[in-house]
Every structure is written in C-alpha cells, then in structure tokens.
C-alpha cells in the first residue's frame, strides 16, 4: 500500500488531522468522538504506521501515536506543480477582474 492509498480513506485523514492538532495521542483519545470501533481505529493506525506517516511508542503502559509529517513530503512534491498551476490561474483571474473593475 502506498501513501496515496492510505490518504484516500477519510478515517485515516481524520486521524492525521487529530495528530497534527494535538501532537501525540493514545488510542483511547484518537477513538473518542468517532463512529468506528477502537479495533477499526487500530487498523487505520496500522496502515498509517505501515507507510511511516505515524509512529507509535509506549510511554509507560500507554501506546502513544505521533504524526511523522516528513512522510508527507512525497505527496507535497507531487501536488506542488498542480498548486502552482492553479495559483497562476487565480492570479490571471484576479488581474482580469481588476482590469474590469479598476475601482475595487
């Protein structure tokens, strides 16, 4: 499984967002407020660990999960040409609109 397949699942994207916001979190904390079981959250976390987006370590008796945002670099590199293209198009649109309505 590659990183794009892993990111295609909304539950995994939610877990990534939670870890980005809150830093390291336990399975219990990651499972709160979700409509899936802890077992399902564990399976999603294992997929994230498999592609090195998340790493887990024990802190005492609690297994804590942490986001490895460096693993998103290949995704960023793949998407950045598209972002530049869209930014260029939006800049052109802004320029056009300013020519049509110079007072704004």
N, C-alpha and C. Protein backbone atom coordinates (compact mmCIF):
# COMPACT_ATOMS: atom_id res chain seq x y z
N UNK A 1 0.85 -1.18 0.00
CA UNK A 1 0.00 0.00 0.00
C UNK A 1 0.89 1.24 0.00
N UNK A 2 0.55 2.20 -0.85
CA UNK A 2 1.35 3.43 -0.88
C UNK A 2 0.64 4.54 -0.12
N UNK A 3 1.33 5.65 0.02
CA UNK A 3 0.83 6.76 0.84
C UNK A 3 -0.48 7.33 0.29
N UNK A 4 -0.63 7.35 -1.04
CA UNK A 4 -1.86 7.88 -1.63
C UNK A 4 -3.06 6.99 -1.31
N UNK A 5 -2.86 5.69 -1.32
CA UNK A 5 -3.94 4.78 -0.95
C UNK A 5 -4.32 4.98 0.51
N UNK A 6 -3.33 5.15 1.34
CA UNK A 6 -3.58 5.35 2.77
C UNK A 6 -4.36 6.65 2.99
N UNK A 7 -3.97 7.71 2.29
CA UNK A 7 -4.63 9.00 2.46
C UNK A 7 -6.03 9.05 1.85
N UNK A 8 -6.38 8.07 1.05
CA UNK A 8 -7.70 8.09 0.40
C UNK A 8 -8.84 7.82 1.38
N UNK A 9 -8.54 7.30 2.53
CA UNK A 9 -9.58 6.96 3.49
C UNK A 9 -9.87 8.13 4.43
N UNK A 10 -11.13 8.54 4.55
CA UNK A 10 -11.45 9.70 5.40
C UNK A 10 -11.16 9.47 6.89
N UNK A 11 -11.27 8.23 7.36
CA UNK A 11 -10.97 7.97 8.77
C UNK A 11 -9.48 8.19 9.05
N UNK A 12 -8.64 7.78 8.12
CA UNK A 12 -7.20 7.98 8.30
C UNK A 12 -6.83 9.47 8.20
N UNK A 13 -7.49 10.18 7.30
CA UNK A 13 -7.24 11.63 7.22
C UNK A 13 -7.65 12.31 8.52
N UNK A 14 -8.74 11.85 9.11
CA UNK A 14 -9.18 12.40 10.40
C UNK A 14 -8.12 12.15 11.48
N UNK A 15 -7.59 10.93 11.51
CA UNK A 15 -6.55 10.61 12.49
C UNK A 15 -5.32 11.49 12.30
N UNK A 16 -4.93 11.70 11.05
CA UNK A 16 -3.78 12.57 10.75
C UNK A 16 -4.06 13.99 11.25
N UNK A 17 -5.27 14.48 11.00
CA UNK A 17 -5.63 15.83 11.45
C UNK A 17 -5.58 15.94 12.97
N UNK A 18 -6.10 14.94 13.65
CA UNK A 18 -6.07 14.95 15.11
C UNK A 18 -4.63 14.97 15.62
N UNK A 19 -3.79 14.14 15.04
CA UNK A 19 -2.40 14.09 15.49
C UNK A 19 -1.67 15.39 15.17
N UNK A 20 -2.01 16.01 14.07
CA UNK A 20 -1.38 17.29 13.73
C UNK A 20 -1.78 18.37 14.74
N UNK A 21 -3.05 18.37 15.14
CA UNK A 21 -3.54 19.37 16.09
C UNK A 21 -3.01 19.14 17.49
N UNK A 22 -3.10 17.90 17.93
CA UNK A 22 -2.88 17.61 19.35
C UNK A 22 -1.54 16.96 19.66
N UNK A 23 -0.73 16.70 18.67
CA UNK A 23 0.56 16.05 18.93
C UNK A 23 0.37 14.57 19.18
N UNK A 24 1.06 14.03 20.12
CA UNK A 24 0.99 12.61 20.44
C UNK A 24 -0.31 12.28 21.16
N UNK A 25 -0.94 11.17 20.74
CA UNK A 25 -2.22 10.78 21.34
C UNK A 25 -2.29 9.28 21.51
N UNK A 26 -3.05 8.88 22.52
CA UNK A 26 -3.28 7.46 22.76
C UNK A 26 -4.41 6.96 21.86
N UNK A 27 -4.53 5.65 21.78
CA UNK A 27 -5.62 5.05 21.01
C UNK A 27 -6.97 5.48 21.58
N UNK A 28 -7.06 5.54 22.89
CA UNK A 28 -8.31 5.96 23.52
C UNK A 28 -8.70 7.37 23.08
N UNK A 29 -7.75 8.28 23.11
CA UNK A 29 -8.02 9.67 22.71
C UNK A 29 -8.39 9.76 21.23
N UNK A 30 -7.70 8.98 20.39
CA UNK A 30 -7.98 9.00 18.96
C UNK A 30 -9.33 8.38 18.63
N UNK A 31 -9.81 7.49 19.49
CA UNK A 31 -11.08 6.81 19.25
C UNK A 31 -12.29 7.61 19.70
N UNK A 32 -12.08 8.58 20.58
CA UNK A 32 -13.19 9.37 21.10
C UNK A 32 -13.82 10.21 20.00
N UNK A 33 -15.14 10.27 20.01
CA UNK A 33 -15.87 11.11 19.07
C UNK A 33 -15.91 10.58 17.65
N UNK A 34 -15.64 9.32 17.48
CA UNK A 34 -15.69 8.72 16.14
C UNK A 34 -16.81 7.70 16.07
N UNK A 35 -17.23 7.41 14.86
CA UNK A 35 -18.32 6.46 14.70
C UNK A 35 -17.82 5.05 14.40
N UNK A 36 -16.52 4.82 14.57
CA UNK A 36 -15.96 3.48 14.34
C UNK A 36 -15.37 2.95 15.64
N UNK A 37 -15.20 1.65 15.71
CA UNK A 37 -14.72 1.00 16.93
C UNK A 37 -13.22 1.26 17.14
N UNK A 38 -12.76 0.99 18.35
CA UNK A 38 -11.33 1.11 18.63
C UNK A 38 -10.53 0.14 17.76
N UNK A 39 -11.10 -1.03 17.54
CA UNK A 39 -10.43 -2.02 16.69
C UNK A 39 -10.24 -1.46 15.28
N UNK A 40 -11.25 -0.78 14.75
CA UNK A 40 -11.14 -0.18 13.42
C UNK A 40 -10.12 0.96 13.43
N UNK A 41 -10.10 1.76 14.49
CA UNK A 41 -9.11 2.84 14.60
C UNK A 41 -7.71 2.23 14.62
N UNK A 42 -7.54 1.12 15.35
CA UNK A 42 -6.24 0.44 15.38
C UNK A 42 -5.82 -0.01 13.99
N UNK A 43 -6.74 -0.55 13.22
CA UNK A 43 -6.42 -0.99 11.85
C UNK A 43 -6.00 0.19 10.99
N UNK A 44 -6.69 1.32 11.13
CA UNK A 44 -6.33 2.51 10.37
C UNK A 44 -4.96 3.04 10.81
N UNK A 45 -4.71 3.03 12.11
CA UNK A 45 -3.40 3.46 12.60
C UNK A 45 -2.28 2.56 12.07
N UNK A 46 -2.54 1.27 12.00
CA UNK A 46 -1.54 0.35 11.48
C UNK A 46 -1.21 0.64 10.02
N UNK A 47 -2.20 1.05 9.24
CA UNK A 47 -1.95 1.44 7.85
C UNK A 47 -1.08 2.70 7.81
N UNK A 48 -1.36 3.65 8.70
CA UNK A 48 -0.57 4.87 8.77
C UNK A 48 0.87 4.58 9.21
N UNK A 49 1.01 3.65 10.13
CA UNK A 49 2.34 3.24 10.59
C UNK A 49 3.09 2.54 9.47
N UNK A 50 2.38 1.73 8.71
CA UNK A 50 2.99 0.96 7.62
C UNK A 50 3.68 1.88 6.60
N UNK A 51 3.07 3.02 6.29
CA UNK A 51 3.67 3.96 5.33
C UNK A 51 4.47 5.05 6.03
N UNK A 52 4.71 4.86 7.33
CA UNK A 52 5.55 5.75 8.14
C UNK A 52 4.99 7.16 8.32
N UNK A 53 3.67 7.32 8.18
CA UNK A 53 3.03 8.60 8.47
C UNK A 53 2.86 8.80 9.98
N UNK A 54 2.79 7.70 10.70
CA UNK A 54 2.61 7.73 12.14
C UNK A 54 3.61 6.75 12.74
N UNK A 55 4.14 7.11 13.88
CA UNK A 55 4.92 6.13 14.63
C UNK A 55 4.32 6.03 16.02
N UNK A 56 4.54 4.88 16.62
CA UNK A 56 3.95 4.61 17.93
C UNK A 56 5.05 4.15 18.88
N UNK A 57 4.91 4.57 20.12
CA UNK A 57 5.83 4.13 21.16
C UNK A 57 5.10 4.08 22.49
N UNK A 58 5.58 3.23 23.35
CA UNK A 58 4.97 3.12 24.66
C UNK A 58 5.56 4.18 25.57
N UNK A 59 4.66 4.87 26.27
CA UNK A 59 5.04 5.78 27.35
C UNK A 59 4.40 5.20 28.59
N UNK A 60 5.19 4.43 29.31
CA UNK A 60 4.63 3.65 30.41
C UNK A 60 3.81 2.53 29.84
N UNK A 61 2.55 2.43 30.26
CA UNK A 61 1.66 1.38 29.77
C UNK A 61 0.83 1.82 28.57
N UNK A 62 0.95 3.09 28.20
CA UNK A 62 0.10 3.65 27.14
C UNK A 62 0.91 3.75 25.84
N UNK A 63 0.32 3.23 24.77
CA UNK A 63 0.93 3.36 23.45
C UNK A 63 0.49 4.70 22.88
N UNK A 64 1.47 5.53 22.52
CA UNK A 64 1.21 6.87 22.05
C UNK A 64 1.58 6.96 20.56
N UNK A 65 0.71 7.59 19.80
CA UNK A 65 0.89 7.73 18.36
C UNK A 65 1.25 9.18 18.03
N UNK A 66 2.21 9.34 17.13
CA UNK A 66 2.69 10.66 16.75
C UNK A 66 2.78 10.75 15.24
N UNK A 67 2.38 11.89 14.70
CA UNK A 67 2.45 12.12 13.26
C UNK A 67 3.88 12.35 12.83
N UNK A 68 4.27 11.72 11.73
CA UNK A 68 5.56 11.96 11.09
C UNK A 68 5.27 12.77 9.83
N UNK A 69 5.18 14.08 9.97
CA UNK A 69 4.77 14.91 8.83
C UNK A 69 5.80 14.91 7.70
N UNK A 70 7.03 14.50 7.96
CA UNK A 70 8.03 14.39 6.90
C UNK A 70 7.65 13.34 5.87
N UNK A 71 6.85 12.37 6.27
CA UNK A 71 6.40 11.33 5.34
C UNK A 71 5.44 11.90 4.30
N UNK A 72 4.90 13.09 4.54
CA UNK A 72 4.01 13.73 3.57
C UNK A 72 4.76 14.48 2.48
N UNK A 73 6.07 14.56 2.59
CA UNK A 73 6.87 15.28 1.60
C UNK A 73 6.66 14.76 0.17
N UNK A 74 6.63 13.45 -0.08
CA UNK A 74 6.37 12.98 -1.44
C UNK A 74 5.01 13.44 -1.98
N UNK A 75 4.02 13.51 -1.12
CA UNK A 75 2.69 13.98 -1.53
C UNK A 75 2.77 15.45 -1.90
N UNK A 76 3.44 16.23 -1.08
CA UNK A 76 3.61 17.65 -1.35
C UNK A 76 4.35 17.87 -2.67
N UNK A 77 5.41 17.11 -2.88
CA UNK A 77 6.19 17.25 -4.11
C UNK A 77 5.35 16.90 -5.33
N UNK A 78 4.49 15.92 -5.21
CA UNK A 78 3.66 15.53 -6.33
C UNK A 78 2.57 16.58 -6.60
N UNK A 79 2.02 17.16 -5.53
CA UNK A 79 0.92 18.11 -5.68
C UNK A 79 1.37 19.54 -6.01
N UNK A 80 2.59 19.91 -5.65
CA UNK A 80 3.01 21.30 -5.80
C UNK A 80 2.94 21.83 -7.23
N UNK A 81 3.25 21.06 -8.28
CA UNK A 81 3.07 21.62 -9.63
C UNK A 81 1.61 21.97 -9.93
N UNK A 82 0.69 21.19 -9.41
CA UNK A 82 -0.73 21.49 -9.59
C UNK A 82 -1.10 22.76 -8.84
N UNK A 83 -0.57 22.91 -7.65
CA UNK A 83 -0.86 24.11 -6.85
C UNK A 83 -0.32 25.36 -7.55
N UNK A 84 0.90 25.26 -8.10
CA UNK A 84 1.46 26.41 -8.82
C UNK A 84 0.60 26.75 -10.04
N UNK A 85 0.12 25.73 -10.74
CA UNK A 85 -0.72 25.95 -11.92
C UNK A 85 -2.00 26.67 -11.52
N UNK A 86 -2.64 26.21 -10.44
CA UNK A 86 -3.88 26.84 -10.00
C UNK A 86 -3.63 28.25 -9.48
N UNK A 87 -2.52 28.45 -8.80
CA UNK A 87 -2.20 29.79 -8.32
C UNK A 87 -2.02 30.75 -9.49
N UNK A 88 -1.35 30.28 -10.54
CA UNK A 88 -1.16 31.09 -11.74
C UNK A 88 -2.51 31.44 -12.35
N UNK A 89 -3.42 30.47 -12.44
CA UNK A 89 -4.74 30.74 -13.00
C UNK A 89 -5.53 31.73 -12.14
N UNK A 90 -5.43 31.59 -10.84
CA UNK A 90 -6.13 32.52 -9.96
C UNK A 90 -5.53 33.92 -10.05
N UNK A 91 -4.23 34.01 -10.19
CA UNK A 91 -3.58 35.32 -10.38
C UNK A 91 -4.07 35.98 -11.67
N UNK A 92 -4.17 35.18 -12.73
CA UNK A 92 -4.67 35.71 -14.00
C UNK A 92 -6.12 36.19 -13.87
N UNK A 93 -6.93 35.44 -13.16
CA UNK A 93 -8.31 35.83 -12.95
C UNK A 93 -8.38 37.13 -12.15
N UNK A 94 -7.57 37.23 -11.11
CA UNK A 94 -7.53 38.45 -10.30
C UNK A 94 -7.12 39.65 -11.15
N UNK A 95 -6.13 39.47 -11.97
CA UNK A 95 -5.68 40.55 -12.86
C UNK A 95 -6.79 40.96 -13.82
N UNK A 96 -7.48 39.99 -14.39
CA UNK A 96 -8.57 40.26 -15.31
C UNK A 96 -9.70 41.02 -14.60
N UNK A 97 -10.07 40.58 -13.43
CA UNK A 97 -11.15 41.23 -12.68
C UNK A 97 -10.77 42.64 -12.28
N UNK A 98 -9.52 42.86 -11.96
CA UNK A 98 -9.08 44.22 -11.61
C UNK A 98 -9.09 45.14 -12.82
N UNK A 99 -8.88 44.61 -13.99
CA UNK A 99 -8.95 45.42 -15.21
C UNK A 99 -10.39 45.79 -15.52
N UNK A 100 -11.32 44.89 -15.24
CA UNK A 100 -12.73 45.14 -15.49
C UNK A 100 -13.32 46.11 -14.48
N UNK A 101 -12.85 46.03 -13.23
CA UNK A 101 -13.35 46.88 -12.15
C UNK A 101 -12.17 47.57 -11.46
N UNK A 102 -11.59 48.59 -12.07
CA UNK A 102 -10.39 49.20 -11.51
C UNK A 102 -10.61 49.90 -10.17
N UNK A 103 -11.84 50.21 -9.82
CA UNK A 103 -12.10 50.90 -8.55
C UNK A 103 -12.05 49.97 -7.35
N UNK A 104 -12.04 48.69 -7.57
CA UNK A 104 -12.07 47.75 -6.44
C UNK A 104 -10.72 47.27 -6.07
